[in-house]
Amino acid sequence: MKVDLFAGGMKLQDVQAYARRAEELGFGGMVMTEGGRTAYLSSAAAILATEKLEFNTGVALAFTRSPMVTAGIAWELADASGGRFSLGLGTQVQAHIERRYSAEFSPPGPRMREHVEAIRHIWDVFQNGTKLDYQGEYINLSLMNGQWSGGKIDHPDIPLYISAVGPYMLKLAGELCDGVHVHPFHSRDFIDGFVLPKLAEGALRSGRDVDEVKLTIPVMTVIGDSAEDRAKASSTAKRQLAFYGSTRNYARVFDYHGFEGVSAQLNTLMKAGKMDEMTDLITDEMLELYTVVASWDELSDKFVDRYGAVADRVIPYFATNDYRRSPANFERWAEAARDITARTA
């Protein structure tokens, strides 16, 4: 199990420095988020600054770009990295896709299926010179000549991941994808009882074993050796859980553990701008379920125990904050990362 870091929203020079430091300290890779700055440019900058670190977009937005554009960018990044790049795609939520990007969203599941199929088809065209001919309900591709092809590269088998929360996307990941980005708002029980069975249903459709689908799992944490540090970390985690839990699509994570109605309450408070009242709804029981609560000495044990049998990669959700604010804690994260990887190799 490798331990990665989130990176996103940084200046390109800063993301290069972050990647070099992560590589020096023995982290496995970086997952490039997409918000105000693109995941792809950050990936390119970090790739060119490192030699061993692995990269995944976590996640780049699918519907805001043509699959031809996405396929071409991923192709260049795989080539530049010598095979250290994986493509991770997500849908975002409808309001952002339609109102921030002026792109089509509905229906998200079938659209994502076509994006995955079309991108894989394009990569085959680039590598093998096959005819471009993808005809779907939402995507149609038929014009290509040598001038526009990405051409052959040494590492054409680019792993393709999608983010998945609901049944359709999880089954799609199991059927067609190399891996899945599990949402940060989860519990290990939810992974075992909901995520893995849906992935297995999808894998059955394509006649493969669900173990072929790699799980990348962001993990929220509450870490501290003192009561003061633990209280500060708890407050940060509760705030993040309240934010995610207020989204109706994620209500099933609360409901799975019997916290019915909490998501609706959070949503109402979110609309009213009452963030402090939102965090009051997140209990210590929820923290134990949805985060890893530990001292620094317990940290690697807790990660191995909870995720060692299920995750291919884990991403400490708040470690990047420590990179910016507490170099000593960031080095503790690195020590834990090396230990986790060695013990699960």
Protein backbone atom coordinates (compact mmCIF):
# COMPACT_ATOMS: atom_id res chain seq x y z
CA MET A 1 0.00 0.00 0.00
CA LYS A 2 1.56 3.26 -1.11
CA VAL A 3 0.99 6.58 0.60
CA ASP A 4 0.31 9.55 -1.66
CA LEU A 5 -0.23 13.25 -1.15
CA PHE A 6 -2.87 15.60 -2.44
CA ALA A 7 -1.60 18.55 -4.43
CA GLY A 8 -3.66 21.21 -6.08
CA GLY A 9 -4.20 24.93 -6.20
CA MET A 10 -0.48 25.66 -6.06
CA LYS A 11 1.64 27.76 -8.37
CA LEU A 12 3.50 25.50 -10.77
CA GLN A 13 6.86 26.35 -9.22
CA ASP A 14 5.47 25.51 -5.79
CA VAL A 15 4.04 22.18 -6.88
CA GLN A 16 7.46 21.27 -8.28
CA ALA A 17 9.10 22.01 -4.94
CA TYR A 18 6.42 20.01 -3.14
CA ALA A 19 6.90 17.04 -5.45
CA ARG A 20 10.67 17.07 -5.03
CA ARG A 21 10.29 17.14 -1.24
CA ALA A 22 7.74 14.31 -1.32
CA GLU A 23 10.08 12.20 -3.42
CA GLU A 24 13.01 12.89 -1.09
CA LEU A 25 10.95 11.78 1.92
CA GLY A 26 9.75 8.54 0.35
CA PHE A 27 6.08 9.16 -0.43
CA GLY A 28 4.67 7.01 -3.21
CA GLY A 29 2.99 9.58 -5.36
CA MET A 30 0.85 12.65 -5.75
CA VAL A 31 -2.82 13.00 -6.55
CA MET A 32 -3.51 16.22 -8.43
CA THR A 33 -6.83 17.85 -7.61
CA GLU A 34 -8.64 20.21 -9.94
CA GLY A 35 -10.22 23.45 -8.82
CA GLY A 36 -9.02 26.94 -9.58
CA ARG A 37 -5.91 25.42 -11.18
CA THR A 38 -5.84 22.46 -13.55
CA ALA A 39 -4.79 18.98 -12.51
CA TYR A 40 -2.94 18.45 -15.78
CA LEU A 41 -0.59 21.42 -15.67
CA SER A 42 0.26 20.61 -12.06
CA SER A 43 0.98 17.01 -13.09
CA ALA A 44 3.26 18.14 -15.91
CA ALA A 45 5.22 20.48 -13.67
CA ALA A 46 5.69 17.84 -10.96
CA ILE A 47 6.57 15.08 -13.42
CA LEU A 48 9.36 17.18 -14.88
CA ALA A 49 10.74 17.86 -11.39
CA THR A 50 10.90 14.22 -10.22
CA GLU A 51 12.22 10.81 -11.23
CA LYS A 52 10.28 8.18 -9.25
CA LEU A 53 7.14 9.74 -7.84
CA GLU A 54 3.88 8.49 -9.38
CA PHE A 55 1.01 10.78 -10.36
CA ASN A 56 -2.74 10.50 -10.70
CA THR A 57 -5.32 13.18 -11.36
CA GLY A 58 -7.72 12.97 -8.44
CA VAL A 59 -9.82 13.98 -10.11
CA ALA A 60 -9.75 15.81 -13.42
CA LEU A 61 -13.17 16.80 -14.70
CA ALA A 62 -14.43 14.65 -17.54
CA PHE A 63 -17.39 16.54 -18.93
CA THR A 64 -15.65 19.90 -19.29
CA ARG A 65 -13.27 18.59 -21.96
CA SER A 66 -13.67 16.60 -25.13
CA PRO A 67 -12.42 13.02 -24.67
CA MET A 68 -9.98 13.74 -27.48
CA VAL A 69 -8.46 16.58 -25.47
CA THR A 70 -8.31 14.47 -22.30
CA ALA A 71 -6.83 11.48 -24.10
CA GLY A 72 -4.17 13.64 -25.74
CA ILE A 73 -3.11 15.33 -22.51
CA ALA A 74 -2.93 12.02 -20.64
CA TRP A 75 -0.90 10.54 -23.50
CA GLU A 76 1.69 13.32 -23.26
CA LEU A 77 1.90 13.02 -19.48
CA ALA A 78 2.38 9.25 -19.65
CA ASP A 79 5.13 9.76 -22.20
CA ALA A 80 6.88 12.54 -20.26
CA SER A 81 6.74 10.57 -17.01
CA GLY A 82 8.01 7.28 -18.41
CA GLY A 83 4.81 5.58 -17.32
CA ARG A 84 4.41 7.27 -13.93
CA PHE A 85 1.05 8.85 -14.77
CA SER A 86 -2.49 7.54 -14.25
CA LEU A 87 -5.64 9.31 -15.41
CA GLY A 88 -8.34 9.88 -12.81
CA LEU A 89 -11.68 11.34 -13.95
CA GLY A 90 -14.73 12.57 -12.11
CA THR A 91 -18.06 14.19 -12.83
CA GLN A 92 -18.18 17.04 -10.28
CA VAL A 93 -21.69 18.09 -9.31
CA GLN A 94 -24.33 19.25 -11.75
CA ALA A 95 -24.42 22.91 -10.72
CA HIS A 96 -20.71 23.39 -11.29
CA ILE A 97 -20.63 21.58 -14.63
CA GLU A 98 -23.61 23.46 -16.01
CA ARG A 99 -23.26 26.88 -14.39
CA ARG A 100 -19.49 27.26 -13.92
CA TYR A 101 -18.30 25.44 -17.04
CA SER A 102 -21.38 25.71 -19.28
CA ALA A 103 -21.08 22.02 -20.14
CA GLU A 104 -23.54 19.12 -20.36
CA PHE A 105 -24.00 16.96 -17.27
CA SER A 106 -27.05 14.69 -17.49
CA PRO A 107 -27.10 11.76 -17.41
CA PRO A 108 -23.73 11.59 -15.64
CA GLY A 109 -23.36 7.80 -15.50
CA PRO A 110 -23.87 7.04 -19.21
CA ARG A 111 -21.78 10.09 -20.14
CA MET A 112 -18.90 8.85 -18.00
CA ARG A 113 -19.17 5.39 -19.56
CA GLU A 114 -18.76 6.92 -23.01
CA HIS A 115 -15.84 9.08 -21.89
CA VAL A 116 -14.00 6.03 -20.54
CA GLU A 117 -14.70 3.99 -23.68
CA ALA A 118 -13.83 6.84 -26.04
CA ILE A 119 -10.55 7.69 -24.32
CA ARG A 120 -9.44 4.08 -24.41
CA HIS A 121 -10.42 3.92 -28.10
CA ILE A 122 -8.39 7.07 -28.84
CA TRP A 123 -5.33 5.66 -27.09
CA ASP A 124 -5.58 2.56 -29.29
CA VAL A 125 -5.73 4.81 -32.35
CA PHE A 126 -2.62 6.69 -31.20
CA GLN A 127 -0.59 3.55 -30.47
CA ASN A 128 -1.74 1.15 -33.17
CA GLY A 129 -2.95 3.36 -35.98
CA THR A 130 -6.45 1.89 -35.91
CA LYS A 131 -9.35 3.81 -37.43
CA LEU A 132 -10.98 6.41 -35.20
CA ASP A 133 -14.61 5.35 -35.00
CA TYR A 134 -16.41 5.78 -31.72
CA GLN A 135 -20.16 6.28 -32.02
CA GLY A 136 -22.11 6.82 -28.81
CA GLU A 137 -25.20 8.66 -27.75
CA TYR A 138 -23.22 11.62 -26.41
CA ILE A 139 -19.79 11.26 -28.04
CA ASN A 140 -19.04 10.74 -31.73
CA LEU A 141 -15.50 10.55 -33.10
CA SER A 142 -14.59 9.75 -36.69
CA LEU A 143 -11.91 12.10 -38.07
CA MET A 144 -8.20 11.48 -37.50
CA ASN A 145 -5.02 11.61 -39.54
CA GLY A 146 -1.35 11.29 -38.68
CA GLN A 147 -0.92 15.00 -38.13
CA TRP A 148 -3.34 14.92 -35.18
CA SER A 149 -2.39 11.58 -33.67
CA GLY A 150 -0.40 11.42 -30.46
CA GLY A 151 1.76 8.71 -32.04
CA LYS A 152 3.35 5.68 -30.40
CA ILE A 153 4.83 5.97 -26.92
CA ASP A 154 6.78 3.56 -24.70
CA HIS A 155 4.12 3.40 -21.97
CA PRO A 156 0.72 3.31 -23.69
CA ASP A 157 -1.16 1.30 -21.05
CA ILE A 158 -2.30 4.25 -18.96
CA PRO A 159 -4.30 3.21 -15.89
CA LEU A 160 -7.71 4.89 -15.92
CA TYR A 161 -9.54 5.58 -12.66
CA ILE A 162 -12.88 7.23 -11.96
CA SER A 163 -14.28 8.67 -8.77
CA ALA A 164 -17.35 6.81 -7.60
CA VAL A 165 -19.84 7.21 -4.77
CA GLY A 166 -23.17 5.78 -5.98
CA PRO A 167 -24.06 2.36 -7.37
CA TYR A 168 -23.87 3.23 -11.08
CA MET A 169 -20.37 4.70 -10.96
CA LEU A 170 -19.04 1.96 -8.70
CA LYS A 171 -20.34 -0.71 -11.06
CA LEU A 172 -18.88 1.19 -14.00
CA ALA A 173 -15.49 1.31 -12.27
CA GLY A 174 -15.68 -2.42 -11.62
CA GLU A 175 -16.59 -3.14 -15.22
CA LEU A 176 -14.32 -0.83 -17.21
CA CYS A 177 -11.70 0.90 -15.08
CA ASP A 178 -8.31 0.07 -13.63
CA GLY A 179 -9.15 1.71 -10.36
CA VAL A 180 -11.53 3.82 -8.35
CA HIS A 181 -11.10 6.96 -6.27
CA VAL A 182 -13.08 6.29 -3.11
CA HIS A 183 -14.65 9.40 -1.63
CA PRO A 184 -12.93 10.81 1.49
CA PHE A 185 -16.26 10.57 3.34
CA HIS A 186 -16.41 6.84 4.05
CA SER A 187 -15.90 4.21 6.72
CA ARG A 188 -14.15 0.86 6.38
CA ASP A 189 -17.52 -0.84 6.98
CA PHE A 190 -19.04 1.21 4.15
CA ILE A 191 -16.22 0.14 1.83
CA ASP A 192 -16.70 -3.53 2.72
CA GLY A 193 -20.49 -3.50 2.70
CA PHE A 194 -21.28 -1.13 -0.15
CA VAL A 195 -18.28 -0.12 -2.28
CA LEU A 196 -16.70 -3.54 -2.82
CA PRO A 197 -19.98 -5.38 -3.60
CA LYS A 198 -20.89 -2.78 -6.23
CA LEU A 199 -17.41 -2.98 -7.75
CA ALA A 200 -17.77 -6.77 -7.81
CA GLU A 201 -21.09 -6.52 -9.66
CA GLY A 202 -19.42 -4.41 -12.31
CA ALA A 203 -16.40 -6.69 -12.54
CA LEU A 204 -18.71 -9.65 -13.11
CA ARG A 205 -20.14 -7.91 -16.19
CA SER A 206 -16.73 -7.93 -17.86
CA GLY A 207 -15.67 -11.34 -16.56
CA ARG A 208 -12.87 -10.22 -14.30
CA ASP A 209 -12.07 -10.40 -10.61
CA VAL A 210 -12.84 -7.40 -8.45
CA ASP A 211 -9.27 -7.59 -7.09
CA GLU A 212 -8.15 -6.21 -10.47
CA VAL A 213 -9.77 -2.88 -9.54
CA LYS A 214 -7.35 -0.81 -7.45
CA LEU A 215 -8.69 1.38 -4.66
CA THR A 216 -7.18 4.80 -3.98
CA ILE A 217 -8.58 6.01 -0.66
CA PRO A 218 -8.26 9.51 0.81
CA VAL A 219 -8.29 9.29 4.60
CA MET A 220 -9.31 12.03 7.00
CA THR A 221 -7.44 11.93 10.28
CA VAL A 222 -7.53 13.22 13.85
CA ILE A 223 -3.93 13.10 15.09
CA GLY A 224 -2.43 14.47 18.27
CA ASP A 225 -0.28 13.52 21.20
CA SER A 226 -1.85 16.10 23.50
CA ALA A 227 -5.46 16.91 24.31
CA GLU A 228 -4.98 20.35 22.76
CA ASP A 229 -3.63 18.94 19.48
CA ARG A 230 -6.36 16.30 19.35
CA ALA A 231 -9.07 18.91 19.93
CA LYS A 232 -7.72 21.11 17.14
CA ALA A 233 -7.53 18.17 14.73
CA SER A 234 -11.04 17.05 15.73
CA SER A 235 -12.44 20.48 14.92
CA THR A 236 -10.85 20.44 11.47
CA ALA A 237 -12.12 16.95 10.71
CA LYS A 238 -15.63 17.66 11.96
CA ARG A 239 -15.84 20.72 9.76
CA GLN A 240 -14.81 18.71 6.70
CA LEU A 241 -17.21 15.87 7.51
CA ALA A 242 -20.04 18.36 7.94
CA PHE A 243 -19.28 19.92 4.58
CA TYR A 244 -19.23 16.59 2.74
CA GLY A 245 -22.18 15.24 4.68
CA SER A 246 -24.36 18.19 3.67
CA THR A 247 -24.34 16.95 0.06
CA ARG A 248 -27.40 14.81 -0.61
CA ASN A 249 -25.45 12.39 -2.80
CA TYR A 250 -23.38 11.40 0.24
CA ALA A 251 -26.33 10.87 2.62
CA ARG A 252 -26.03 7.11 2.11
CA VAL A 253 -22.77 7.12 4.08
CA PHE A 254 -24.55 8.50 7.14
CA ASP A 255 -27.61 6.33 6.56
CA TYR A 256 -25.48 3.18 6.30
CA HIS A 257 -24.52 3.61 9.95
CA GLY A 258 -27.99 4.59 11.17
CA PHE A 259 -27.51 8.35 11.16
CA GLU A 260 -30.62 8.94 9.06
CA GLY A 261 -31.61 12.56 8.63
CA VAL A 262 -28.22 14.02 9.53
CA SER A 263 -27.40 14.86 5.93
CA ALA A 264 -30.70 16.72 5.48
CA GLN A 265 -30.06 18.71 8.66
CA LEU A 266 -26.56 19.59 7.47
CA ASN A 267 -27.89 20.65 4.08
CA THR A 268 -30.42 22.99 5.71
CA LEU A 269 -27.75 24.54 7.92
CA MET A 270 -25.36 24.87 4.97
CA LYS A 271 -27.93 26.87 3.01
CA ALA A 272 -28.36 29.11 6.06
CA GLY A 273 -24.59 29.60 6.36
CA LYS A 274 -24.50 28.12 9.87
CA MET A 275 -21.20 26.24 9.71
CA ASP A 276 -20.63 26.16 13.46
CA GLU A 277 -24.01 24.51 14.00
CA MET A 278 -23.15 22.02 11.25
CA THR A 279 -20.01 20.86 13.02
CA ASP A 280 -21.99 20.42 16.25
CA LEU A 281 -23.92 17.62 14.51
CA ILE A 282 -20.72 15.61 13.95
CA THR A 283 -20.25 13.39 17.00
CA ASP A 284 -17.16 11.66 18.35
CA GLU A 285 -18.75 8.37 17.26
CA MET A 286 -18.80 9.68 13.70
CA LEU A 287 -15.15 10.71 13.98
CA GLU A 288 -14.18 7.19 14.98
CA LEU A 289 -16.07 5.77 11.99
CA TYR A 290 -15.13 8.24 9.27
CA THR A 291 -11.60 9.27 10.26
CA VAL A 292 -8.47 7.65 11.65
CA VAL A 293 -8.07 8.86 15.24
CA ALA A 294 -4.56 8.28 16.55
CA SER A 295 -1.46 9.56 18.25
CA TRP A 296 1.58 9.91 16.04
CA ASP A 297 3.02 6.64 17.39
CA GLU A 298 -0.23 4.82 16.58
CA LEU A 299 -0.65 6.29 13.13
CA SER A 300 0.94 3.69 10.87
CA ASP A 301 -0.65 0.84 12.87
CA LYS A 302 -4.09 2.39 12.44
CA PHE A 303 -3.60 2.83 8.67
CA VAL A 304 -2.33 -0.71 8.19
CA ASP A 305 -5.11 -2.22 10.29
CA ARG A 306 -7.89 -0.30 8.57
CA TYR A 307 -6.74 -0.18 4.97
CA GLY A 308 -3.91 -2.67 4.49
CA ALA A 309 -6.18 -5.42 3.13
CA VAL A 310 -8.22 -3.24 0.80
CA ALA A 311 -6.32 -0.20 -0.49
CA ASP A 312 -3.70 0.00 -3.20
CA ARG A 313 -2.96 3.61 -2.24
CA VAL A 314 -4.02 5.87 0.62
CA ILE A 315 -3.92 9.66 0.75
CA PRO A 316 -3.71 11.37 4.15
CA TYR A 317 -6.27 14.11 3.62
CA PHE A 318 -4.69 16.77 5.83
CA ALA A 319 -0.98 16.04 5.27
CA THR A 320 -0.60 18.85 2.75
CA ASN A 321 -1.72 21.29 5.44
CA ASP A 322 1.23 20.12 7.52
CA TYR A 323 3.59 20.61 4.56
CA ARG A 324 2.55 24.26 4.51
CA ARG A 325 2.28 24.91 8.26
CA SER A 326 4.27 22.33 10.21
CA PRO A 327 7.39 20.85 8.57
CA ALA A 328 8.03 18.70 11.65
CA ASN A 329 4.60 17.07 11.38
CA PHE A 330 5.07 16.64 7.64
CA GLU A 331 8.24 14.67 8.32
CA ARG A 332 6.27 12.55 10.78
CA TRP A 333 3.81 11.84 7.98
CA ALA A 334 6.73 10.77 5.81
CA GLU A 335 8.04 8.45 8.51
CA ALA A 336 4.60 6.86 8.82
CA ALA A 337 4.30 6.60 5.03
CA ARG A 338 7.57 4.70 4.73
CA ASP A 339 6.55 2.37 7.54
CA ILE A 340 3.09 1.74 6.06
CA THR A 341 4.54 0.94 2.64
CA ALA A 342 7.23 -1.36 4.05
CA ARG A 343 4.75 -3.30 6.18
CA THR A 344 2.26 -3.83 3.34
CA ALA A 345 4.71 -4.46 0.51
